[in-house]
Amino acid sequence: MHNLKHNRVLHERNFVVTVEAATTPRVPEDRRIRVEQLAPRFWRVWLRFGYMEQPNVPKALAGAKAQGLRFDVMSTSYFLNRRTLRVGKARLMPLWASRLYAGMYRSASEPTNFYRLPSNRVVELGQQINI
């Protein structure tokens, strides 16, 4: 939505992807992807990975071809939401807890690396949240 508001462009094919962690260590390849068409140019995709697996989103999305979708992994752009937590004056928790939580959030792994996305095809849209 941010891209549509900012650039006023709607892409030819749009996939809204949700990555889920399963309660099993591994998810079989045939149960990894689920696709639902929402509109002529929009699809909703669920990817499931086991808790012992490192998610590889481009590889998993290549499985969309097996379901009959036109999906070119090499020309795909990935749009990610980037949140920045800030310790504000109006806090909902004690100052020490806000600082600890914000520090832990900053030290978390980068989504681009975690999901194995090609960094030259990732666009991050951000927002700042006061905690």
Foldseek 3Di string as FASTA:
>chain_A
DVCCVPVVDDDQAEEAEDEEEDAAQADDLVPAWDWDADDPRYIYMYGYGYPNDQAAVLVSVVCVVVVVDDDDSVPDAAEEEAEQEDADPPDPDDPVVSVVVNVVVVPDDDPCVRNVPDPVRYHYDYDYDHD
